[in-house]
Amino acid sequence: MPDDSRRGRLTVAVSSLLLAAGVFVLDWDVRVLLLCYWLEAGFVVARDAVQSLFAARPPADAYRPSDTRAPFPLSALAAVRGGIEVAGLPPLYPRNVPHVLLTLLAFCALWPLAGLAVSGALGPAPYASFPPGAFAAAAATFGVGQAIRLVEWGRTHEFETAAATGGLTRRYLVFLVALAFAVPPVFAAAEASGVPDLVLGTCLVATRATYGLAEARHPGFVRSLVYTDETVGDADPVETPDTDPVATHRTDPWGTTATAVLHGALVSVLGPTAFLVLLAGLVGMTVGGAGFSRPALGAVAGALCIVASRSLVAVLIEARVAEAPLVYRVHADALVAHNGLTDAAQWVTPRATITDATVSRTRLVPGADTVRVECADGTSRTLRHVSNAEALAARLAP
């Protein structure tokens, strides 16, 4: 996402001056500089994640979950139209959440490893502690700088032309990979060859400042290193009838909640997260055996924690944002699915194209009746967890 060039240059200048002072005045070790850049990456990515939630433009088709093989988390939210009104802030768009999580989870998985590597806890370099004063100064500088950029990003309404594709976070993922695996051995070899820390620190600060200035002055060029296509898509509004609906049918909250809990539990045990369940069980068995002499109980508790957390996420996010707020409005000439949380129509089906409407019941989850609407062009709509499903199907049937 592009930032104002002047604001970006100012932030780069302040952070570079701080680190240069650490090199020339405070005699910081080169690994302390690397830890500062590692810390800065965390602040930058946190800002990018917050900004991305409020990006008003949709991502281009090539970067949507339906058109990529990437395992988008909470992918159901990517299809939600409209934004959630937040007092004093721009609307928060649920469709941005999968894009934010996709890059943020990868960054969070790599960030601690990179920190251990540059500190010398992992890798060939000797261990270097982070002086408390250096940590406090770096955290304050980076935190204030990124907060100013976040406020200015909102004040200048840059969110109105931005899309949440995680470009900034992806660039810092590449930076972390280099920081974790390439930089420590290079600097260890340079130190072994007798290159002074002052020279290494100067080269490091100059390289980072040069990249930061290039990013601020030519953001399009830097983004091209990550993306080959246009990332911002075109808005595709849904045109709804001007007349009032003749009937409305709300989504049953109990059916939505119960189905989400069952689905989350099944996905936790049988899906890709099964590894996390097994890992949590192993950790629980170890802790339970060491602390309470009950390894079996600890294993069960650890596994249940992951299953319960996955179900909780499904209930509170996907179900409560994408499905539970839906209201099906039957107009004289169209069927409209309206999301009450985002106050936006999700889709419209002309009633003239509807050829059949049937109800499928389930005894497992009361209130989870489903209405399946068939259309003349071969497409269909599945209306899940509909209250008074029989009446809705009878009304829609030709």
Protein backbone atom coordinates (compact mmCIF):
# COMPACT_ATOMS: atom_id res chain seq x y z
CA MET A 1 0.00 0.00 0.00
CA PRO A 2 1.52 3.31 -0.97
CA ASP A 3 2.55 5.81 1.70
CA ASP A 4 3.15 9.52 1.31
CA SER A 5 6.75 9.94 0.07
CA ARG A 6 7.68 12.78 2.41
CA ARG A 7 6.29 11.01 5.47
CA GLY A 8 8.12 7.84 4.49
CA ARG A 9 11.44 9.63 4.05
CA LEU A 10 11.08 11.31 7.44
CA THR A 11 10.47 7.97 9.18
CA VAL A 12 13.46 6.40 7.43
CA ALA A 13 15.66 9.36 8.37
CA VAL A 14 14.70 9.26 12.07
CA SER A 15 15.20 5.50 12.43
CA SER A 16 18.49 5.64 10.49
CA LEU A 17 19.81 8.44 12.70
CA LEU A 18 18.95 6.43 15.81
CA LEU A 19 20.78 3.36 14.55
CA ALA A 20 23.73 5.42 13.30
CA ALA A 21 24.02 6.94 16.78
CA GLY A 22 24.04 3.41 18.20
CA VAL A 23 26.92 2.47 15.91
CA PHE A 24 29.11 5.58 16.25
CA VAL A 25 28.24 6.79 19.77
CA LEU A 26 27.03 3.80 21.79
CA ASP A 27 29.32 1.25 20.10
CA TRP A 28 26.52 -1.19 19.38
CA ASP A 29 27.43 -4.66 18.19
CA VAL A 30 26.30 -5.39 14.63
CA ARG A 31 23.88 -8.04 15.93
CA VAL A 32 22.19 -5.38 18.05
CA LEU A 33 21.53 -3.51 14.79
CA LEU A 34 20.10 -6.67 13.25
CA LEU A 35 17.84 -7.08 16.29
CA CYS A 36 16.67 -3.49 15.85
CA TYR A 37 15.72 -4.20 12.25
CA TRP A 38 14.02 -7.39 13.39
CA LEU A 39 12.04 -5.35 15.92
CA GLU A 40 11.18 -2.74 13.31
CA ALA A 41 9.76 -5.44 11.03
CA GLY A 42 7.29 -6.37 13.77
CA PHE A 43 6.03 -2.79 14.10
CA VAL A 44 5.77 -2.31 10.33
CA VAL A 45 3.81 -5.52 9.80
CA ALA A 46 1.49 -4.70 12.71
CA ARG A 47 0.70 -1.35 11.04
CA ASP A 48 0.17 -3.03 7.69
CA ALA A 49 -2.25 -5.53 9.24
CA VAL A 50 -4.33 -2.78 10.85
CA GLN A 51 -4.37 -0.71 7.66
CA SER A 52 -5.37 -3.68 5.56
CA LEU A 53 -8.51 -4.30 7.60
CA PHE A 54 -9.85 -0.91 6.52
CA ALA A 55 -8.80 -1.03 2.84
CA ALA A 56 -11.93 -0.05 0.91
CA ARG A 57 -11.10 -1.47 -2.52
CA PRO A 58 -11.46 -5.19 -3.21
CA PRO A 59 -8.40 -7.23 -4.22
CA ALA A 60 -7.94 -8.08 -7.88
CA ASP A 61 -9.41 -11.40 -9.01
CA ALA A 62 -5.98 -13.05 -9.15
CA TYR A 63 -5.51 -12.50 -5.42
CA ARG A 64 -8.91 -13.69 -4.17
CA PRO A 65 -9.23 -17.05 -2.38
CA SER A 66 -11.42 -18.50 -5.16
CA ASP A 67 -8.73 -17.88 -7.77
CA THR A 68 -5.63 -19.07 -5.93
CA ARG A 69 -4.28 -22.26 -4.44
CA ALA A 70 -3.19 -20.52 -1.27
CA PRO A 71 -4.91 -21.94 1.86
CA PHE A 72 -6.68 -18.76 2.90
CA PRO A 73 -7.78 -18.81 6.56
CA LEU A 74 -11.44 -17.92 7.16
CA SER A 75 -11.97 -17.85 3.40
CA ALA A 76 -15.75 -17.55 3.82
CA LEU A 77 -15.26 -13.93 4.88
CA ALA A 78 -13.70 -13.05 1.51
CA ALA A 79 -17.13 -13.17 -0.12
CA VAL A 80 -18.80 -10.82 2.40
CA ARG A 81 -19.76 -7.51 0.84
CA GLY A 82 -19.83 -4.21 2.71
CA GLY A 83 -18.07 -3.00 5.82
CA ILE A 84 -18.76 -2.91 9.55
CA GLU A 85 -19.19 0.59 10.90
CA VAL A 86 -16.72 1.43 13.68
CA ALA A 87 -17.20 4.62 15.68
CA GLY A 88 -14.60 7.23 14.75
CA LEU A 89 -12.92 4.96 12.19
CA PRO A 90 -13.46 3.98 8.56
CA PRO A 91 -15.56 0.86 7.91
CA LEU A 92 -13.85 -2.44 8.67
CA TYR A 93 -14.23 -4.86 5.77
CA PRO A 94 -14.59 -8.57 6.65
CA ARG A 95 -13.42 -9.55 3.16
CA ASN A 96 -9.95 -8.26 4.09
CA VAL A 97 -9.51 -10.60 7.08
CA PRO A 98 -8.41 -13.70 5.09
CA HIS A 99 -5.79 -11.66 3.22
CA VAL A 100 -4.46 -10.17 6.45
CA LEU A 101 -4.29 -13.54 8.20
CA LEU A 102 -2.64 -15.31 5.26
CA THR A 103 0.47 -13.15 5.40
CA LEU A 104 0.32 -12.31 9.12
CA LEU A 105 0.33 -15.95 10.24
CA ALA A 106 3.33 -16.69 8.03
CA PHE A 107 5.14 -13.65 9.41
CA CYS A 108 4.35 -14.57 13.02
CA ALA A 109 5.68 -18.09 12.43
CA LEU A 110 8.99 -16.80 11.04
CA TRP A 111 9.50 -13.70 13.20
CA PRO A 112 10.62 -15.48 16.42
CA LEU A 113 12.96 -17.74 14.43
CA ALA A 114 14.54 -14.71 12.76
CA GLY A 115 14.99 -13.07 16.17
CA LEU A 116 16.77 -16.11 17.54
CA ALA A 117 18.97 -16.32 14.45
CA VAL A 118 20.15 -12.70 14.45
CA SER A 119 20.73 -12.72 18.22
CA GLY A 120 23.09 -15.67 17.81
CA ALA A 121 20.91 -18.07 19.80
CA LEU A 122 20.65 -20.02 16.53
CA GLY A 123 23.26 -20.15 13.80
CA PRO A 124 27.00 -19.59 13.59
CA ALA A 125 27.21 -16.16 15.21
CA PRO A 126 28.00 -15.81 18.93
CA TYR A 127 25.09 -14.85 21.13
CA ALA A 128 24.48 -11.10 21.56
CA SER A 129 22.17 -9.69 24.23
CA PHE A 130 19.92 -6.75 23.48
CA PRO A 131 20.81 -3.87 25.87
CA PRO A 132 17.66 -2.65 27.66
CA GLY A 133 18.38 0.95 26.67
CA ALA A 134 18.75 0.02 23.02
CA PHE A 135 15.56 -2.01 23.12
CA ALA A 136 13.57 0.83 24.73
CA ALA A 137 14.94 3.46 22.33
CA ALA A 138 14.31 1.30 19.26
CA ALA A 139 10.81 0.27 20.38
CA ALA A 140 9.84 3.89 21.13
CA THR A 141 11.22 5.17 17.80
CA PHE A 142 9.65 2.46 15.68
CA GLY A 143 6.36 2.51 17.58
CA VAL A 144 5.91 6.27 17.35
CA GLY A 145 7.00 6.33 13.72
CA GLN A 146 4.58 3.63 12.64
CA ALA A 147 1.76 5.16 14.71
CA ILE A 148 2.28 8.51 12.94
CA ARG A 149 2.17 6.80 9.56
CA LEU A 150 -0.98 4.95 10.53
CA VAL A 151 -2.74 8.15 11.62
CA GLU A 152 -1.65 9.96 8.47
CA TRP A 153 -2.79 7.03 6.36
CA GLY A 154 -6.27 7.47 7.78
CA ARG A 155 -6.23 11.27 7.73
CA THR A 156 -5.34 11.38 4.03
CA HIS A 157 -7.98 8.73 3.21
CA GLU A 158 -5.47 6.44 1.53
CA PHE A 159 -7.65 3.52 2.60
CA GLU A 160 -10.19 4.55 -0.07
CA THR A 161 -7.85 3.52 -2.90
CA ALA A 162 -6.08 0.58 -1.23
CA ALA A 163 -6.72 -3.17 -1.33
CA ALA A 164 -5.73 -5.71 1.31
CA THR A 165 -3.24 -7.93 -0.49
CA GLY A 166 -0.51 -7.86 2.17
CA GLY A 167 2.21 -6.48 -0.09
CA LEU A 168 4.14 -4.79 2.69
CA THR A 169 4.00 -7.87 4.91
CA ARG A 170 5.16 -10.08 2.03
CA ARG A 171 8.17 -7.84 1.45
CA TYR A 172 9.08 -8.11 5.12
CA LEU A 173 8.68 -11.89 4.93
CA VAL A 174 11.44 -11.90 2.32
CA PHE A 175 13.42 -9.58 4.59
CA LEU A 176 12.99 -11.97 7.54
CA VAL A 177 14.12 -14.96 5.49
CA ALA A 178 17.28 -13.09 4.57
CA LEU A 179 17.70 -11.91 8.16
CA ALA A 180 17.31 -15.42 9.56
CA PHE A 181 19.31 -17.50 7.08
CA ALA A 182 21.59 -15.31 4.97
CA VAL A 183 22.78 -12.35 7.05
CA PRO A 184 24.09 -14.09 10.22
CA PRO A 185 26.57 -16.41 8.44
CA VAL A 186 27.74 -13.56 6.20
CA PHE A 187 28.44 -11.30 9.17
CA ALA A 188 30.00 -14.15 11.13
CA ALA A 189 32.40 -14.77 8.22
CA ALA A 190 33.15 -11.04 7.94
CA GLU A 191 33.93 -10.78 11.65
CA ALA A 192 36.15 -13.86 11.44
CA SER A 193 38.02 -12.17 8.61
CA GLY A 194 38.78 -9.19 10.83
CA VAL A 195 36.30 -6.66 9.42
CA PRO A 196 35.60 -4.11 12.21
CA ASP A 197 32.09 -3.88 13.66
CA LEU A 198 32.07 -0.17 12.83
CA VAL A 199 32.44 -0.92 9.12
CA LEU A 200 29.80 -3.67 9.22
CA GLY A 201 27.39 -1.44 11.14
CA THR A 202 27.89 1.46 8.75
CA CYS A 203 27.24 -0.78 5.74
CA LEU A 204 24.12 -2.20 7.39
CA VAL A 205 22.64 1.21 8.27
CA ALA A 206 23.43 2.61 4.81
CA THR A 207 21.89 -0.38 3.04
CA ARG A 208 18.70 -0.22 5.10
CA ALA A 209 18.41 3.56 4.67
CA THR A 210 18.88 3.24 0.88
CA TYR A 211 16.12 0.65 0.64
CA GLY A 212 13.81 2.69 2.87
CA LEU A 213 14.27 5.81 0.74
CA ALA A 214 13.64 3.80 -2.44
CA GLU A 215 10.48 2.39 -0.89
CA ALA A 216 9.28 5.87 0.06
CA ARG A 217 10.12 7.56 -3.24
CA HIS A 218 9.17 4.78 -5.66
CA PRO A 219 6.62 2.51 -3.99
CA GLY A 220 5.43 1.20 -7.36
CA PHE A 221 8.86 -0.19 -8.14
CA VAL A 222 9.18 -1.85 -4.74
CA ARG A 223 5.69 -3.40 -5.04
CA SER A 224 6.67 -4.81 -8.42
CA LEU A 225 9.25 -6.96 -6.63
CA VAL A 226 6.34 -8.81 -4.96
CA TYR A 227 3.49 -8.60 -7.45
CA THR A 228 3.44 -9.02 -11.21
CA ASP A 229 -0.21 -8.00 -11.72
CA GLU A 230 -2.47 -5.18 -10.57
CA THR A 231 -3.54 -5.86 -6.99
CA VAL A 232 -6.53 -3.50 -6.70
CA GLY A 233 -9.76 -4.80 -8.19
CA ASP A 234 -12.90 -3.05 -9.35
CA ALA A 235 -15.97 -2.72 -7.17
CA ASP A 236 -18.85 -4.98 -8.21
CA PRO A 237 -21.97 -3.57 -6.54
CA VAL A 238 -25.18 -5.57 -6.28
CA GLU A 239 -28.24 -3.83 -7.70
CA THR A 240 -31.29 -4.42 -5.54
CA PRO A 241 -34.98 -3.75 -6.32
CA ASP A 242 -36.37 -0.33 -5.44
CA THR A 243 -39.58 -1.81 -4.01
CA ASP A 244 -40.11 -3.00 -0.44
CA PRO A 245 -39.88 -6.75 0.19
CA VAL A 246 -43.12 -8.71 0.47
CA ALA A 247 -41.54 -11.05 3.05
CA THR A 248 -38.31 -11.43 5.04
CA HIS A 249 -36.76 -14.59 6.48
CA ARG A 250 -33.92 -14.35 8.95
CA THR A 251 -31.14 -16.82 9.47
CA ASP A 252 -31.65 -18.98 12.55
CA PRO A 253 -28.89 -18.07 15.06
CA TRP A 254 -29.09 -21.40 16.89
CA GLY A 255 -28.71 -23.40 13.71
CA THR A 256 -25.77 -21.25 12.60
CA THR A 257 -23.98 -21.58 15.94
CA ALA A 258 -24.50 -25.32 16.35
CA THR A 259 -23.44 -26.11 12.80
CA ALA A 260 -20.33 -23.97 13.13
CA VAL A 261 -19.32 -25.73 16.37
CA LEU A 262 -19.71 -29.17 14.79
CA HIS A 263 -17.92 -28.11 11.62
CA GLY A 264 -15.05 -26.56 13.57
CA ALA A 265 -14.62 -29.70 15.67
CA LEU A 266 -14.60 -31.96 12.60
CA VAL A 267 -12.13 -29.75 10.75
CA SER A 268 -9.86 -29.71 13.80
CA VAL A 269 -9.75 -33.51 13.99
CA LEU A 270 -9.88 -34.48 10.30
CA GLY A 271 -8.55 -31.40 8.47
CA PRO A 272 -5.09 -29.81 8.14
CA THR A 273 -5.22 -28.65 11.77
CA ALA A 274 -5.10 -32.28 12.94
CA PHE A 275 -1.33 -31.86 13.25
CA LEU A 276 -1.87 -29.01 15.73
CA VAL A 277 -4.29 -31.19 17.69
CA LEU A 278 -1.69 -33.97 17.92
CA LEU A 279 1.04 -31.48 18.82
CA ALA A 280 -1.14 -29.95 21.54
CA GLY A 281 -1.87 -33.42 22.85
CA LEU A 282 1.87 -34.18 23.01
CA VAL A 283 2.57 -30.91 24.84
CA GLY A 284 -0.34 -31.55 27.18
CA MET A 285 0.91 -35.08 27.87
CA THR A 286 4.38 -33.74 28.71
CA VAL A 287 3.08 -30.99 30.97
CA GLY A 288 0.49 -33.23 32.58
CA GLY A 289 3.06 -35.94 33.24
CA ALA A 290 5.66 -33.56 34.67
CA GLY A 291 3.35 -31.39 36.75
CA PHE A 292 0.44 -33.59 37.74
CA SER A 293 1.57 -37.18 37.02
CA ARG A 294 -1.38 -37.56 34.64
CA PRO A 295 -0.03 -37.59 31.09
CA ALA A 296 -3.22 -39.04 29.56
CA LEU A 297 -5.34 -36.30 31.10
CA GLY A 298 -2.90 -33.66 29.87
CA ALA A 299 -2.94 -35.08 26.34
CA VAL A 300 -6.73 -34.98 26.21
CA ALA A 301 -6.82 -31.45 27.63
CA GLY A 302 -4.26 -30.19 25.12
CA ALA A 303 -6.09 -31.69 22.16
CA LEU A 304 -9.43 -30.36 23.35
CA CYS A 305 -7.98 -26.86 23.67
CA ILE A 306 -7.13 -26.79 19.93
CA VAL A 307 -10.50 -28.31 18.96
CA ALA A 308 -12.35 -25.82 21.13
CA SER A 309 -10.37 -22.84 19.85
CA ARG A 310 -10.98 -23.85 16.21
CA SER A 311 -14.70 -24.20 16.90
CA LEU A 312 -14.73 -20.86 18.71
CA VAL A 313 -13.10 -19.14 15.73
CA ALA A 314 -15.64 -20.70 13.38
CA VAL A 315 -18.53 -19.53 15.57
CA LEU A 316 -17.36 -16.02 16.38
CA ILE A 317 -15.93 -15.05 13.01
CA GLU A 318 -17.11 -17.03 10.00
CA ALA A 319 -20.57 -17.97 11.24
CA ARG A 320 -21.34 -14.73 13.04
CA VAL A 321 -20.12 -12.48 10.24
CA ALA A 322 -20.83 -14.39 7.04
CA GLU A 323 -23.99 -16.38 7.84
CA ALA A 324 -25.80 -15.39 11.02
CA PRO A 325 -26.56 -11.77 9.97
CA LEU A 326 -28.15 -12.80 6.65
CA VAL A 327 -31.73 -11.78 6.00
CA TYR A 328 -33.43 -13.18 2.90
CA ARG A 329 -35.74 -10.55 1.42
CA VAL A 330 -38.37 -11.74 -1.00
CA HIS A 331 -39.36 -8.99 -3.45
CA ALA A 332 -42.00 -9.23 -6.14
CA ASP A 333 -39.31 -9.75 -8.77
CA ALA A 334 -36.18 -10.86 -6.91
CA LEU A 335 -34.71 -12.72 -3.95
CA VAL A 336 -32.06 -10.69 -2.07
CA ALA A 337 -29.61 -11.91 0.58
CA HIS A 338 -28.85 -8.94 2.84
CA ASN A 339 -26.16 -8.94 5.53
CA GLY A 340 -27.44 -6.95 8.49
CA LEU A 341 -23.97 -6.59 10.05
CA THR A 342 -22.40 -4.92 7.00
CA ASP A 343 -25.74 -3.46 5.79
CA ALA A 344 -25.06 -4.61 2.23
CA ALA A 345 -26.77 -6.91 -0.25
CA GLN A 346 -24.69 -10.04 -0.83
CA TRP A 347 -26.42 -11.32 -3.97
CA VAL A 348 -29.64 -10.98 -5.96
CA THR A 349 -31.52 -13.71 -7.86
CA PRO A 350 -34.42 -12.69 -10.16
CA ARG A 351 -37.52 -14.68 -9.26
CA ALA A 352 -38.31 -15.18 -12.94
CA THR A 353 -35.23 -17.44 -13.20
CA ILE A 354 -36.18 -19.65 -10.22
CA THR A 355 -37.41 -23.06 -11.36
CA ASP A 356 -37.64 -24.88 -8.01
CA ALA A 357 -37.22 -24.38 -4.26
CA THR A 358 -36.87 -27.35 -1.92
CA VAL A 359 -36.29 -27.78 1.81
CA SER A 360 -33.84 -30.24 3.34
CA ARG A 361 -34.13 -30.88 7.05
CA THR A 362 -31.62 -32.14 9.58
CA ARG A 363 -32.33 -33.86 12.89
CA LEU A 364 -28.80 -33.30 14.12
CA VAL A 365 -29.06 -29.52 14.42
CA PRO A 366 -32.51 -28.05 15.12
CA GLY A 367 -33.12 -24.83 13.20
CA ALA A 368 -30.58 -25.67 10.50
CA ASP A 369 -33.09 -26.29 7.72
CA THR A 370 -31.78 -25.46 4.27
CA VAL A 371 -33.63 -24.11 1.24
CA ARG A 372 -32.12 -24.97 -2.13
CA VAL A 373 -33.12 -22.67 -4.97
CA GLU A 374 -32.64 -23.93 -8.55
CA CYS A 375 -32.40 -21.48 -11.45
CA ALA A 376 -33.10 -21.83 -15.16
CA ASP A 377 -29.46 -21.24 -16.13
CA GLY A 378 -28.34 -24.30 -14.14
CA THR A 379 -27.05 -22.39 -11.11
CA SER A 380 -28.40 -22.76 -7.60
CA ARG A 381 -28.49 -20.95 -4.29
CA THR A 382 -28.24 -22.67 -0.90
CA LEU A 383 -29.98 -20.78 1.90
CA ARG A 384 -28.76 -22.33 5.15
CA HIS A 385 -30.25 -22.13 8.63
CA VAL A 386 -33.39 -20.36 7.42
CA SER A 387 -36.18 -19.67 9.89
CA ASN A 388 -39.57 -20.79 8.62
CA ALA A 389 -37.93 -22.54 5.68
CA GLU A 390 -41.15 -24.16 4.43
CA ALA A 391 -42.86 -20.78 4.01
CA LEU A 392 -39.85 -19.39 2.15
CA ALA A 393 -39.69 -22.36 -0.23
CA ALA A 394 -43.42 -22.18 -0.90
CA ARG A 395 -43.17 -18.48 -1.65
CA LEU A 396 -40.27 -18.92 -4.07
CA ALA A 397 -41.59 -21.97 -5.91
CA PRO A 398 -42.97 -21.03 -9.37
